[in-house]
Structures are given as structure tokens and as C-alpha cells.
Amino acid sequence: MSSTVSAGAPLRPLQRALVYASAFFGITTESLIGMLLPLWALDRGLPPAQLGIAVALASLSPLLLAVPAGALCDRYGDRRIMLWAGLGAGLTAALYPLAGGFLSACGLQLLGGLARSMSWLSAQSYAIRATPTGERNSFMGRFSFAGSIGMLLAPLAAGALVSWQGLGAGFLLMAMWGGLLTLVALPLPDIREHERVGTLWQVTGGAYRQALPLLWQAPLLIVMLLTLLRLSSAAVNASFYPVHLDQIGFSAARIGFMFACINGAVSVGSLMAAQLIRRSSMTAVLFGSIVLATFSISAVPLVTAPLAVGLLSALHGLGLGLSLPTLLAAIGRQTAPSQRGLVIGLRTLFNRLGYFAVPVLLGGLVHGLGLKGAFLATGALLLAGLGGTYAYLRRSRLTYD
């Protein structure tokens, strides 16, 4: 049975290692489905529009339910949500090889998308709750680094397995990865910040009523907009990036290696974030890193040489790595302890809005503009959104430092 500790209470070294391991397993299934689903769609002969819809549907249920899920973390504890979400992510992954076509894949995307989202949501919420305020920048950097190492290793292993044993082996690895999150969560202490009250229906039903007024706080709203734009750029590599690589003749193993380039650079960026914030500012790191992530992934279809693709992919990963711990630290500064799960739920909602909209947008643009034009048009829209968000921040005279 798990013990109970108060928020911010020092964790033992083994417990801290398990928190890092929750990032290692909690986020990686998203990376794996981003690689495996496009390959599955190509294997089944799905057209680009159907692939875009299937990718987007993984974000529909989290988009609608992320805020109630965050409220559930506040009410029942992040650890308990982590346990069930890890099981759900593992079970749904195991069913993908049995999916025969578009409709069955859509059903799995709806269920699996929610489980994978709640895995990462609960892991982030637990990490923020478990960290004393003075350690948050460095702790979240190490937490993000652990997640990015998982995202580095898993695509390499999945690419090799798919080349050797076929797509089914890749999905089996994904199922095992999700299940391991449950094993990691079992020995963690339950973190209690306040008296938890309310039934399941009261908690979930009142979640939006509690969460949406928080967006009137301009600093938090800007963090959410940056979250949306950051994950919109990541949605590009989780949908049509593998399609481009397949079209220019990359094998499954080489595609896995390119995902590893992204996630290896995410690891480096996660460790660099705290130092860059000290040398410049949190605001500069937030905006600069997202510009880098967006520009580099949008330029990938302009090149075909493996070295050039790898370089652009690594720059994209570096931008994602720098931005994640910075965003999480900014959220920690802007939220009350009793609302951390709720705000992480809001962040997940904005994440999923990007993951939902961008694949559908790309799928439609590919028909009219081709793959290269679709990537460039999407990148231009995202960079324009970043410019507008920065102008709003300057006009509001806000800073995160």
C-alpha cells in the first residue's frame, strides 16, 4: 500500500528516481504512436485525409476531457490516475495490430489518446506537486530530460523491431512501455495537498467551471497559447513527417533514427533550459525555443539528404526540449498548489487542440498544395501566431522573470 506525504515534502532518492521514471514511460507512448500510426496507415493504404483524421482523433477525447482529468488528479491523487492511465495506454496499444481499417483505428485512437494523455498529465502534475519551489527549475529540467531519453530510445527500438519483425512488434513494445508506467507508480507515495472532497460527478462536472476563469489571468493565458503553438509544431512530426521520410525512401529503421535525432536533442534542450534562463530570461527562452521548433520542422520537406533531415530534426527537438521545462516552471509560478492538476489539465487541453487541428489541416493542405507546400503553409501560420502572442505579451507589459 502506498504511503502519503504532503506537497513539497522531500522525497527519498529512490522516490525521486521513480518520478523521473514516470516521465520516461509517461510521455513515450505519444512518441511511439506518432511514428507507428503513419506507418500503419501506409501499410493499410489509407489516403492522407484519413490519416490526418485518425491522428487528430487521438486528441479529441483529451481535448474534451483533459480539464476533468486534471480535476481528477486534484481529487483522487496523481498516482492513482497514473496507475489506471498506464494500463489503458498499454492495452489499447496491444490492439492496433488487430485493427483492420480506418474505423477500428479511429476507435482505438479515441480510447488510446485519452489514456496516453492522462499518463503524461498525471506524471507532470505529480512532478510539480512533489517539487519544492526553490528546486522547480532544475527538477523539471531533469524530469523533462528523463522523458526525452525515453523518447530517444523507444523510436530506435521500435524502428529496429518493425524492420525485423513487422509493425506488430512495434505496437507490442508500445504496449509494454505503457504498462511499465503502472509499475513505476505503484511504490510512489500519494501526495496530499488539501482535503479532497466531492464525488466523481461533482469533480468532473465542475472542472470547467473552476478552470476556465483562470484564463482571465493574462500570464497563464499566454502560457497556454505558447503550449498550443509548441505542440502544434510537434503535431507535424507526429503526422506527416514520417510520410515525407517514407516518400523519399527512408526505411523504418532510418525513420526511427530520425525520431531519435529529435528526441536526443529534446534531452539536450531539457538540460540546457535552466542555464539559459539564468543567462537570459524565461520569456526569451519560451519564445525563442518555440520559434526554433516550428521553423525547423516546417523546413524538413525542403531537403532529402539524410544529414540535412537529421540536422533539421535535431533543431526541432532542441526547441521542444528547451520549451517544455520552461513552460512547466512558468505554470508552477502562476498556479496555487491545490489547482496544479486542474491547470495541467488546461495545458493538456491546449496541447490537444494543436494535435487535433494540425493533422486535419495538413491532411487537407497536402491535397491542394502538396507535402512541401502544406508544411510551409502550416509553419507560416504557427509563426504568425507566435508573433501575435509576443505582441500581446509586450502590450500587456508582462514577464515571467
Protein backbone atom coordinates (compact mmCIF):
# COMPACT_ATOMS: atom_id res chain seq x y z
CA MET A 1 0.00 0.00 0.00
CA SER A 2 1.31 3.47 -0.84
CA SER A 3 2.26 5.99 1.85
CA THR A 4 1.02 9.58 1.92
CA VAL A 5 3.19 12.72 2.01
CA SER A 6 2.44 16.44 1.89
CA ALA A 7 3.13 18.52 -1.22
CA GLY A 8 6.73 19.69 -1.50
CA ALA A 9 7.93 17.32 1.24
CA PRO A 10 11.41 15.97 0.44
CA LEU A 11 11.31 12.69 -1.43
CA ARG A 12 13.81 9.94 -0.83
CA PRO A 13 16.37 9.34 -3.64
CA LEU A 14 14.54 6.23 -4.87
CA GLN A 15 11.24 8.10 -4.95
CA ARG A 16 12.81 10.95 -6.94
CA ALA A 17 14.17 8.38 -9.38
CA LEU A 18 10.67 6.93 -9.77
CA VAL A 19 9.27 10.40 -10.51
CA TYR A 20 11.84 10.75 -13.29
CA ALA A 21 10.91 7.26 -14.49
CA SER A 22 7.27 8.34 -14.70
CA ALA A 23 8.38 10.89 -17.31
CA PHE A 24 10.48 8.24 -19.08
CA PHE A 25 7.43 6.00 -19.55
CA GLY A 26 4.60 8.55 -19.35
CA ILE A 27 5.32 10.60 -22.46
CA THR A 28 6.98 7.99 -24.68
CA THR A 29 3.84 6.26 -25.91
CA GLU A 30 2.95 9.55 -27.64
CA SER A 31 6.26 9.45 -29.49
CA LEU A 32 5.72 5.82 -30.47
CA ILE A 33 2.19 6.30 -31.81
CA GLY A 34 3.44 9.32 -33.78
CA MET A 35 5.89 7.02 -35.55
CA LEU A 36 3.85 3.80 -35.77
CA LEU A 37 0.41 5.07 -36.79
CA PRO A 38 1.54 6.74 -40.05
CA LEU A 39 3.44 3.54 -40.95
CA TRP A 40 0.33 1.51 -40.09
CA ALA A 41 -1.77 3.81 -42.31
CA LEU A 42 0.65 3.41 -45.21
CA ASP A 43 0.57 -0.36 -44.72
CA ARG A 44 -3.25 -0.33 -44.83
CA GLY A 45 -3.36 2.05 -47.80
CA LEU A 46 -5.18 4.92 -46.06
CA PRO A 47 -5.30 8.21 -48.03
CA PRO A 48 -3.76 11.38 -46.48
CA ALA A 49 -7.12 12.81 -45.36
CA GLN A 50 -7.98 9.63 -43.41
CA LEU A 51 -4.52 9.55 -41.84
CA GLY A 52 -4.96 13.16 -40.73
CA ILE A 53 -8.35 12.36 -39.19
CA ALA A 54 -7.03 9.25 -37.43
CA VAL A 55 -4.10 11.16 -35.94
CA ALA A 56 -6.39 14.01 -34.87
CA LEU A 57 -8.91 11.70 -33.19
CA ALA A 58 -6.31 10.70 -30.59
CA SER A 59 -6.60 14.29 -29.38
CA LEU A 60 -10.39 14.57 -29.43
CA SER A 61 -11.14 12.78 -26.16
CA PRO A 62 -8.25 14.50 -24.31
CA LEU A 63 -9.38 17.80 -25.82
CA LEU A 64 -12.84 17.35 -24.30
CA LEU A 65 -11.79 15.61 -21.07
CA ALA A 66 -8.35 16.99 -20.17
CA VAL A 67 -9.67 19.53 -17.68
CA PRO A 68 -11.89 16.99 -15.86
CA ALA A 69 -8.89 14.62 -15.88
CA GLY A 70 -6.78 17.30 -14.20
CA ALA A 71 -9.54 17.82 -11.63
CA LEU A 72 -9.50 14.05 -11.00
CA CYS A 73 -5.76 14.30 -10.26
CA ASP A 74 -6.51 17.01 -7.68
CA ARG A 75 -9.34 14.96 -6.14
CA TYR A 76 -8.05 11.38 -6.23
CA GLY A 77 -4.29 11.92 -6.49
CA ASP A 78 -1.90 11.90 -9.42
CA ARG A 79 -0.53 8.49 -8.51
CA ARG A 80 -3.89 6.74 -8.76
CA ILE A 81 -4.61 8.32 -12.16
CA MET A 82 -1.13 7.29 -13.32
CA LEU A 83 -1.83 3.67 -12.41
CA TRP A 84 -5.00 3.40 -14.49
CA ALA A 85 -3.76 5.53 -17.39
CA GLY A 86 -0.66 3.38 -17.81
CA LEU A 87 -2.83 0.26 -18.01
CA GLY A 88 -5.11 1.89 -20.57
CA ALA A 89 -2.20 3.05 -22.74
CA GLY A 90 -0.73 -0.46 -22.73
CA LEU A 91 -3.97 -2.30 -23.51
CA THR A 92 -5.02 -0.06 -26.39
CA ALA A 93 -1.54 -0.23 -27.96
CA ALA A 94 -1.73 -4.02 -27.99
CA LEU A 95 -4.93 -3.85 -30.08
CA TYR A 96 -3.60 -1.78 -33.01
CA PRO A 97 -2.23 -4.78 -34.97
CA LEU A 98 -5.75 -6.25 -34.89
CA ALA A 99 -7.34 -3.09 -36.34
CA GLY A 100 -8.34 -3.82 -39.90
CA GLY A 101 -9.10 -0.39 -41.26
CA PHE A 102 -9.95 3.25 -40.76
CA LEU A 103 -12.97 2.93 -38.43
CA SER A 104 -11.34 0.50 -36.00
CA ALA A 105 -8.23 2.68 -35.88
CA CYS A 106 -10.43 5.70 -35.09
CA GLY A 107 -11.96 3.87 -32.12
CA LEU A 108 -8.55 2.93 -30.77
CA GLN A 109 -7.30 6.46 -31.27
CA LEU A 110 -10.18 7.85 -29.19
CA LEU A 111 -9.57 5.45 -26.30
CA GLY A 112 -5.79 5.25 -26.53
CA GLY A 113 -5.42 9.00 -26.96
CA LEU A 114 -7.20 9.61 -23.67
CA ALA A 115 -5.12 7.01 -21.80
CA ARG A 116 -1.81 8.30 -23.21
CA SER A 117 -2.76 11.88 -22.45
CA MET A 118 -3.71 11.08 -18.86
CA SER A 119 -0.44 9.17 -18.41
CA TRP A 120 1.60 12.26 -19.18
CA LEU A 121 -0.81 14.68 -17.49
CA SER A 122 -0.70 12.80 -14.18
CA ALA A 123 3.09 12.38 -14.33
CA GLN A 124 3.60 16.13 -14.86
CA SER A 125 1.14 17.03 -12.12
CA TYR A 126 2.84 14.65 -9.69
CA ALA A 127 6.29 16.08 -10.50
CA ILE A 128 5.18 19.69 -9.96
CA ARG A 129 3.45 18.76 -6.70
CA ALA A 130 6.48 16.80 -5.46
CA THR A 131 8.96 19.64 -6.04
CA PRO A 132 9.80 22.38 -3.51
CA THR A 133 9.50 25.82 -5.12
CA GLY A 134 13.22 26.60 -4.94
CA GLU A 135 14.15 23.42 -6.83
CA ARG A 136 11.47 23.56 -9.51
CA ASN A 137 13.51 24.82 -12.49
CA SER A 138 16.26 22.23 -12.07
CA PHE A 139 13.91 19.39 -11.05
CA MET A 140 11.60 19.95 -14.03
CA GLY A 141 14.65 20.08 -16.30
CA ARG A 142 15.73 16.64 -15.07
CA PHE A 143 12.15 15.39 -15.28
CA SER A 144 11.87 16.58 -18.90
CA PHE A 145 15.30 15.09 -19.65
CA ALA A 146 14.14 11.68 -18.40
CA GLY A 147 11.07 11.88 -20.65
CA SER A 148 13.16 12.84 -23.65
CA ILE A 149 15.56 9.93 -23.04
CA GLY A 150 12.56 7.60 -23.23
CA MET A 151 11.51 9.31 -26.45
CA LEU A 152 15.07 8.85 -27.76
CA LEU A 153 15.34 5.14 -27.02
CA ALA A 154 11.81 3.97 -27.82
CA PRO A 155 11.70 5.04 -31.52
CA LEU A 156 15.14 3.49 -32.09
CA ALA A 157 13.95 0.21 -30.61
CA ALA A 158 10.61 0.39 -32.42
CA GLY A 159 12.22 1.17 -35.78
CA ALA A 160 14.58 -1.79 -35.43
CA LEU A 161 11.74 -4.09 -34.33
CA VAL A 162 9.48 -3.02 -37.21
CA SER A 163 12.26 -3.60 -39.75
CA TRP A 164 12.96 -7.02 -38.23
CA GLN A 165 9.57 -8.36 -37.16
CA GLY A 166 6.97 -6.01 -38.66
CA LEU A 167 4.56 -3.41 -37.28
CA GLY A 168 3.07 -5.78 -34.70
CA ALA A 169 6.36 -5.90 -32.80
CA GLY A 170 6.48 -2.11 -32.65
CA PHE A 171 3.00 -1.93 -31.15
CA LEU A 172 3.92 -4.67 -28.66
CA LEU A 173 6.84 -2.54 -27.47
CA MET A 174 4.45 0.39 -27.11
CA ALA A 175 2.08 -1.76 -25.03
CA MET A 176 4.90 -2.82 -22.70
CA TRP A 177 6.06 0.78 -22.35
CA GLY A 178 2.61 1.94 -21.25
CA GLY A 179 2.27 -0.90 -18.77
CA LEU A 180 5.61 -0.05 -17.16
CA LEU A 181 4.21 3.33 -16.07
CA THR A 182 1.79 1.45 -13.83
CA LEU A 183 4.67 -0.47 -12.24
CA VAL A 184 6.58 2.77 -11.64
CA ALA A 185 3.58 4.44 -9.98
CA LEU A 186 2.86 1.57 -7.57
CA PRO A 187 5.63 2.34 -4.99
CA LEU A 188 5.28 6.16 -5.19
CA PRO A 189 3.76 7.93 -2.17
CA ASP A 190 0.38 9.58 -2.57
CA ILE A 191 0.78 13.39 -2.36
CA ARG A 192 -1.94 15.14 -0.38
CA GLU A 193 -2.15 18.94 -0.51
CA HIS A 194 -5.60 19.58 0.92
CA GLU A 195 -8.73 17.79 1.95
CA ARG A 196 -10.16 16.05 -1.12
CA VAL A 197 -13.93 16.31 -1.33
CA GLY A 198 -16.64 15.74 -3.91
CA THR A 199 -17.98 12.76 -5.77
CA LEU A 200 -16.68 11.71 -9.18
CA TRP A 201 -19.54 13.51 -10.94
CA GLN A 202 -19.16 16.64 -8.84
CA VAL A 203 -15.44 16.83 -9.55
CA THR A 204 -15.67 16.23 -13.29
CA GLY A 205 -18.84 18.26 -13.79
CA GLY A 206 -17.43 21.33 -12.06
CA ALA A 207 -13.97 21.15 -13.63
CA TYR A 208 -14.54 23.61 -16.48
CA ARG A 209 -16.41 25.98 -14.17
CA GLN A 210 -13.31 26.13 -11.98
CA ALA A 211 -10.70 26.09 -14.75
CA LEU A 212 -11.90 28.49 -17.43
CA PRO A 213 -11.92 31.62 -15.20
CA LEU A 214 -8.18 31.03 -14.66
CA LEU A 215 -7.63 32.03 -18.29
CA TRP A 216 -8.55 35.60 -17.37
CA GLN A 217 -5.11 35.74 -15.77
CA ALA A 218 -3.05 37.06 -18.68
CA PRO A 219 0.27 35.38 -17.72
CA LEU A 220 -1.43 31.98 -17.56
CA LEU A 221 -3.33 32.60 -20.81
CA ILE A 222 -0.06 33.35 -22.62
CA VAL A 223 1.48 30.14 -21.26
CA MET A 224 -1.50 28.23 -22.66
CA LEU A 225 -1.19 29.91 -26.06
CA LEU A 226 2.51 29.03 -26.16
CA THR A 227 1.63 25.46 -25.20
CA LEU A 228 -0.79 25.33 -28.14
CA LEU A 229 1.78 26.65 -30.61
CA ARG A 230 4.57 24.40 -29.30
CA LEU A 231 2.52 21.23 -29.59
CA SER A 232 1.16 22.31 -32.97
CA SER A 233 4.71 22.14 -34.31
CA ALA A 234 5.17 18.74 -32.63
CA ALA A 235 1.94 17.55 -34.28
CA VAL A 236 3.65 17.97 -37.64
CA ASN A 237 6.28 15.36 -36.79
CA ALA A 238 3.59 13.09 -35.31
CA SER A 239 1.57 13.01 -38.55
CA PHE A 240 3.12 13.74 -41.95
CA TYR A 241 6.82 13.88 -41.06
CA PRO A 242 7.14 10.04 -41.32
CA VAL A 243 5.14 10.15 -44.56
CA HIS A 244 7.68 12.53 -46.11
CA LEU A 245 10.55 10.34 -44.94
CA ASP A 246 8.88 7.24 -46.39
CA GLN A 247 8.30 9.03 -49.71
CA ILE A 248 11.99 9.94 -50.07
CA GLY A 249 12.97 6.31 -49.48
CA PHE A 250 13.84 6.13 -45.79
CA SER A 251 13.46 2.67 -44.22
CA ALA A 252 11.55 2.12 -40.95
CA ALA A 253 14.87 1.83 -39.11
CA ARG A 254 16.11 5.14 -40.57
CA ILE A 255 12.79 6.82 -39.74
CA GLY A 256 13.22 5.55 -36.18
CA PHE A 257 16.71 7.05 -36.16
CA MET A 258 15.35 10.44 -37.27
CA PHE A 259 12.83 10.35 -34.43
CA ALA A 260 15.76 9.54 -32.18
CA CYS A 261 17.55 12.66 -33.51
CA ILE A 262 14.54 14.72 -32.46
CA ASN A 263 14.29 13.16 -29.03
CA GLY A 264 18.03 13.15 -28.38
CA ALA A 265 18.04 16.90 -28.99
CA VAL A 266 14.99 17.21 -26.70
CA SER A 267 17.14 15.63 -23.99
CA VAL A 268 19.92 18.17 -24.52
CA GLY A 269 17.47 21.07 -24.57
CA SER A 270 15.81 19.93 -21.35
CA LEU A 271 19.12 20.05 -19.50
CA MET A 272 20.12 23.39 -21.05
CA ALA A 273 16.86 25.22 -20.22
CA ALA A 274 17.62 26.23 -16.62
CA GLN A 275 21.08 27.55 -17.55
CA LEU A 276 19.71 29.55 -20.49
CA ILE A 277 17.00 31.05 -18.28
CA ARG A 278 19.67 32.21 -15.81
CA ARG A 279 21.75 33.74 -18.60
CA SER A 280 18.90 35.41 -20.48
CA SER A 281 15.26 35.25 -19.33
CA MET A 282 12.36 32.84 -19.12
CA THR A 283 10.43 34.91 -21.67
CA ALA A 284 13.29 34.79 -24.20
CA VAL A 285 13.71 31.03 -23.80
CA LEU A 286 9.97 30.42 -24.14
CA PHE A 287 9.54 32.30 -27.41
CA GLY A 288 12.95 31.57 -28.96
CA SER A 289 12.68 27.83 -28.41
CA ILE A 290 9.20 27.58 -29.96
CA VAL A 291 10.29 29.62 -32.99
CA LEU A 292 13.21 27.20 -33.45
CA ALA A 293 10.98 24.13 -33.13
CA THR A 294 8.44 25.48 -35.63
CA PHE A 295 10.83 26.80 -38.27
CA SER A 296 12.99 23.66 -38.38
CA ILE A 297 10.18 21.09 -38.72
CA SER A 298 8.47 23.20 -41.41
CA ALA A 299 11.68 23.18 -43.48
CA VAL A 300 12.14 19.38 -43.46
CA PRO A 301 10.41 18.76 -46.86
CA LEU A 302 12.86 21.17 -48.50
CA VAL A 303 15.68 18.63 -48.05
CA THR A 304 16.18 14.96 -48.87
CA ALA A 305 19.76 14.20 -47.76
CA PRO A 306 19.82 12.19 -44.51
CA LEU A 307 22.33 14.56 -42.89
CA ALA A 308 20.17 17.62 -43.63
CA VAL A 309 17.00 15.89 -42.45
CA GLY A 310 18.78 14.81 -39.28
CA LEU A 311 20.07 18.34 -38.60
CA LEU A 312 16.65 19.96 -39.02
CA SER A 313 15.07 17.21 -36.92
CA ALA A 314 17.62 17.79 -34.15
CA LEU A 315 16.97 21.56 -34.19
CA HIS A 316 13.24 20.85 -33.89
CA GLY A 317 13.93 18.60 -30.90
CA LEU A 318 16.21 21.18 -29.29
CA GLY A 319 13.42 23.76 -29.45
CA LEU A 320 10.91 21.32 -27.95
CA GLY A 321 13.37 20.35 -25.21
CA LEU A 322 14.12 23.93 -24.19
CA SER A 323 10.47 24.90 -24.08
CA LEU A 324 8.94 22.04 -22.05
CA PRO A 325 10.63 22.54 -18.63
CA THR A 326 10.36 26.31 -19.11
CA LEU A 327 6.60 26.06 -19.65
CA LEU A 328 6.19 23.73 -16.67
CA ALA A 329 8.21 26.06 -14.43
CA ALA A 330 6.09 29.02 -15.60
CA ILE A 331 2.92 27.08 -14.76
CA GLY A 332 4.31 26.31 -11.30
CA ARG A 333 4.84 30.04 -10.71
CA GLN A 334 1.36 31.02 -11.86
CA THR A 335 -0.80 28.46 -10.02
CA ALA A 336 -1.91 27.66 -6.49
CA PRO A 337 -0.86 24.21 -5.20
CA SER A 338 -4.48 23.00 -4.92
CA GLN A 339 -5.09 23.76 -8.61
CA ARG A 340 -1.97 22.21 -10.16
CA GLY A 341 -3.80 19.22 -11.66
CA LEU A 342 -6.55 21.49 -12.98
CA VAL A 343 -4.03 23.79 -14.70
CA ILE A 344 -2.06 20.86 -16.12
CA GLY A 345 -5.43 19.69 -17.46
CA LEU A 346 -5.87 23.09 -19.13
CA ARG A 347 -2.38 22.77 -20.59
CA THR A 348 -3.28 19.34 -21.94
CA LEU A 349 -6.45 20.79 -23.49
CA PHE A 350 -4.38 23.35 -25.39
CA ASN A 351 -1.85 20.65 -26.31
CA ARG A 352 -4.58 18.51 -27.77
CA LEU A 353 -6.15 21.41 -29.60
CA GLY A 354 -2.90 21.68 -31.56
CA TYR A 355 -2.64 17.92 -32.05
CA PHE A 356 -6.26 17.82 -33.22
CA ALA A 357 -6.20 20.77 -35.60
CA VAL A 358 -2.79 20.47 -37.27
CA PRO A 359 -3.07 16.91 -38.70
CA VAL A 360 -6.51 17.71 -40.15
CA LEU A 361 -5.17 20.99 -41.57
CA LEU A 362 -2.11 19.25 -43.02
CA GLY A 363 -4.20 16.42 -44.47
CA GLY A 364 -6.33 18.94 -46.34
CA LEU A 365 -3.40 21.11 -47.44
CA VAL A 366 -1.47 18.13 -48.81
CA HIS A 367 -4.24 17.60 -51.39
CA GLY A 368 -4.13 21.21 -52.57
CA LEU A 369 -0.51 22.24 -52.07
CA GLY A 370 1.45 19.00 -51.94
CA LEU A 371 3.51 17.90 -48.96
CA LYS A 372 6.13 20.65 -49.26
CA GLY A 373 3.58 23.44 -49.61
CA ALA A 374 1.49 22.08 -46.73
CA PHE A 375 4.48 22.06 -44.37
CA LEU A 376 5.49 25.60 -45.32
CA ALA A 377 1.96 26.99 -45.02
CA THR A 378 1.45 25.39 -41.62
CA GLY A 379 4.79 26.71 -40.39
CA ALA A 380 3.93 30.24 -41.55
CA LEU A 381 0.60 30.14 -39.70
CA LEU A 382 2.24 28.96 -36.47
CA LEU A 383 4.99 31.58 -36.65
CA ALA A 384 2.36 34.27 -37.22
CA GLY A 385 0.57 33.02 -34.11
CA LEU A 386 3.81 33.26 -32.12
CA GLY A 387 4.33 36.81 -33.33
CA GLY A 388 0.81 37.78 -32.27
CA THR A 389 1.27 36.18 -28.84
CA TYR A 390 4.57 38.02 -28.31
CA ALA A 391 2.95 41.32 -29.31
CA TYR A 392 0.16 40.68 -26.77
CA LEU A 393 2.74 39.97 -24.05
CA ARG A 394 4.64 43.18 -24.79
CA ARG A 395 1.44 45.21 -24.95
CA SER A 396 0.39 43.78 -21.57
CA ARG A 397 3.90 44.51 -20.15
CA LEU A 398 4.15 41.01 -18.74
CA THR A 399 7.23 38.99 -17.89
CA TYR A 400 7.90 35.58 -16.32
CA ASP A 401 11.20 36.60 -14.71
